[in-house]
Amino acid sequence: MADFTLPNGDEVTFDLDKLTLKEWQEMKNPAFAQEEEYLTISKISGIKLEVISAMTMGEYKRLFKKLVKKIQDPLSDPN
């Protein structure tokens, strides 16, 4: 089951096994480079970097919120 659906209808499932604890800790750091954050999200979501960087602010925030929710409770049903 998908964790997030892009505006074009593509479904995204976050693969947390591709995320290290170090990467997650770095993403929570306000000094972490935005480009690195996008690369990390691309790696665990399968969304191309160009698609992430072209998202509206609202869409990106919704995506990130769903990612945080999955990280907080990785075994729960995303719906």
C-alpha atoms as a PDB file:
ATOM      1  CA  MET A   1       0.000   0.000   0.000  1.00  0.00           C
ATOM      2  CA  ALA A   2       1.305   3.454  -0.911  1.00  0.00           C
ATOM      3  CA  ASP A   3       2.460   5.932   1.721  1.00  0.00           C
ATOM      4  CA  PHE A   4       1.846   8.982  -0.479  1.00  0.00           C
ATOM      5  CA  THR A   5       0.287   9.797  -3.842  1.00  0.00           C
ATOM      6  CA  LEU A   6       1.810  12.444  -6.107  1.00  0.00           C
ATOM      7  CA  PRO A   7      -0.488  14.913  -7.897  1.00  0.00           C
ATOM      8  CA  ASN A   8      -0.026  12.964 -11.155  1.00  0.00           C
ATOM      9  CA  GLY A   9      -1.366   9.821  -9.439  1.00  0.00           C
ATOM     10  CA  ASP A  10       1.977   8.047  -8.973  1.00  0.00           C
ATOM     11  CA  GLU A  11       2.034   6.165  -5.683  1.00  0.00           C
ATOM     12  CA  VAL A  12       5.067   6.367  -3.416  1.00  0.00           C
ATOM     13  CA  THR A  13       6.112   3.868  -0.771  1.00  0.00           C
ATOM     14  CA  PHE A  14       8.964   4.861   1.523  1.00  0.00           C
ATOM     15  CA  ASP A  15      11.606   2.141   1.853  1.00  0.00           C
ATOM     16  CA  LEU A  16      12.973   2.835   5.328  1.00  0.00           C
ATOM     17  CA  ASP A  17      15.534   0.064   4.901  1.00  0.00           C
ATOM     18  CA  LYS A  18      17.350   2.440   2.536  1.00  0.00           C
ATOM     19  CA  LEU A  19      17.589   5.105   5.266  1.00  0.00           C
ATOM     20  CA  THR A  20      20.325   4.953   7.868  1.00  0.00           C
ATOM     21  CA  LEU A  21      19.902   6.363  11.333  1.00  0.00           C
ATOM     22  CA  LYS A  22      22.738   8.793  10.567  1.00  0.00           C
ATOM     23  CA  GLU A  23      20.941  10.078   7.461  1.00  0.00           C
ATOM     24  CA  TRP A  24      17.739  10.616   9.430  1.00  0.00           C
ATOM     25  CA  GLN A  25      19.588  12.454  12.203  1.00  0.00           C
ATOM     26  CA  GLU A  26      21.280  14.673   9.599  1.00  0.00           C
ATOM     27  CA  MET A  27      17.930  15.481   7.955  1.00  0.00           C
ATOM     28  CA  LYS A  28      16.578  16.704  11.299  1.00  0.00           C
ATOM     29  CA  ASN A  29      19.505  19.117  11.650  1.00  0.00           C
ATOM     30  CA  PRO A  30      18.496  22.625  10.490  1.00  0.00           C
ATOM     31  CA  ALA A  31      22.011  23.137   9.080  1.00  0.00           C
ATOM     32  CA  PHE A  32      21.653  20.112   6.770  1.00  0.00           C
ATOM     33  CA  ALA A  33      21.952  21.081   3.111  1.00  0.00           C
ATOM     34  CA  GLN A  34      18.626  21.134   1.249  1.00  0.00           C
ATOM     35  CA  GLU A  35      20.128  19.271  -1.719  1.00  0.00           C
ATOM     36  CA  GLU A  36      21.237  16.430   0.575  1.00  0.00           C
ATOM     37  CA  GLU A  37      17.740  16.249   2.049  1.00  0.00           C
ATOM     38  CA  TYR A  38      16.262  15.933  -1.443  1.00  0.00           C
ATOM     39  CA  LEU A  39      18.791  13.231  -2.343  1.00  0.00           C
ATOM     40  CA  THR A  40      17.943  11.244   0.786  1.00  0.00           C
ATOM     41  CA  ILE A  41      14.205  11.495   0.163  1.00  0.00           C
ATOM     42  CA  SER A  42      14.738  10.490  -3.463  1.00  0.00           C
ATOM     43  CA  LYS A  43      16.719   7.464  -2.324  1.00  0.00           C
ATOM     44  CA  ILE A  44      14.026   6.128   0.012  1.00  0.00           C
ATOM     45  CA  SER A  45      10.988   7.118  -2.054  1.00  0.00           C
ATOM     46  CA  GLY A  46      12.085   6.394  -5.602  1.00  0.00           C
ATOM     47  CA  ILE A  47      10.961   9.878  -6.640  1.00  0.00           C
ATOM     48  CA  LYS A  48      13.375  11.435  -9.104  1.00  0.00           C
ATOM     49  CA  LEU A  49      15.358  14.383  -7.773  1.00  0.00           C
ATOM     50  CA  GLU A  50      13.963  16.634 -10.525  1.00  0.00           C
ATOM     51  CA  VAL A  51      10.408  15.821  -9.413  1.00  0.00           C
ATOM     52  CA  ILE A  52      11.163  16.578  -5.763  1.00  0.00           C
ATOM     53  CA  SER A  53      12.851  19.906  -6.505  1.00  0.00           C
ATOM     54  CA  ALA A  54       9.923  20.922  -8.768  1.00  0.00           C
ATOM     55  CA  MET A  55       7.264  20.229  -6.099  1.00  0.00           C
ATOM     56  CA  THR A  56       5.279  23.097  -4.677  1.00  0.00           C
ATOM     57  CA  MET A  57       6.072  23.938  -1.080  1.00  0.00           C
ATOM     58  CA  GLY A  58       2.727  22.523   0.050  1.00  0.00           C
ATOM     59  CA  GLU A  59       3.222  19.245  -1.802  1.00  0.00           C
ATOM     60  CA  TYR A  60       6.742  18.841  -0.417  1.00  0.00           C
ATOM     61  CA  LYS A  61       5.532  19.518   3.127  1.00  0.00           C
ATOM     62  CA  ARG A  62       2.791  16.890   2.747  1.00  0.00           C
ATOM     63  CA  LEU A  63       5.336  14.385   1.420  1.00  0.00           C
ATOM     64  CA  PHE A  64       7.734  15.114   4.276  1.00  0.00           C
ATOM     65  CA  LYS A  65       4.923  14.888   6.849  1.00  0.00           C
ATOM     66  CA  LYS A  66       3.973  11.428   5.539  1.00  0.00           C
ATOM     67  CA  LEU A  67       7.632  10.379   5.700  1.00  0.00           C
ATOM     68  CA  VAL A  68       7.922  11.517   9.319  1.00  0.00           C
ATOM     69  CA  LYS A  69       4.689   9.709  10.182  1.00  0.00           C
ATOM     70  CA  LYS A  70       6.022   6.473   8.669  1.00  0.00           C
ATOM     71  CA  ILE A  71       9.349   6.822  10.492  1.00  0.00           C
ATOM     72  CA  GLN A  72       7.538   7.347  13.788  1.00  0.00           C
ATOM     73  CA  ASP A  73       5.363   4.254  13.292  1.00  0.00           C
ATOM     74  CA  PRO A  74       6.829   2.155  10.466  1.00  0.00           C
ATOM     75  CA  LEU A  75       4.500  -0.814  10.948  1.00  0.00           C
ATOM     76  CA  SER A  76       1.207   1.060  10.935  1.00  0.00           C
ATOM     77  CA  ASP A  77      -1.224   1.166   8.040  1.00  0.00           C
ATOM     78  CA  PRO A  78      -0.522   4.410   6.122  1.00  0.00           C
ATOM     79  CA  ASN A  79      -4.241   5.128   5.676  1.00  0.00           C
END
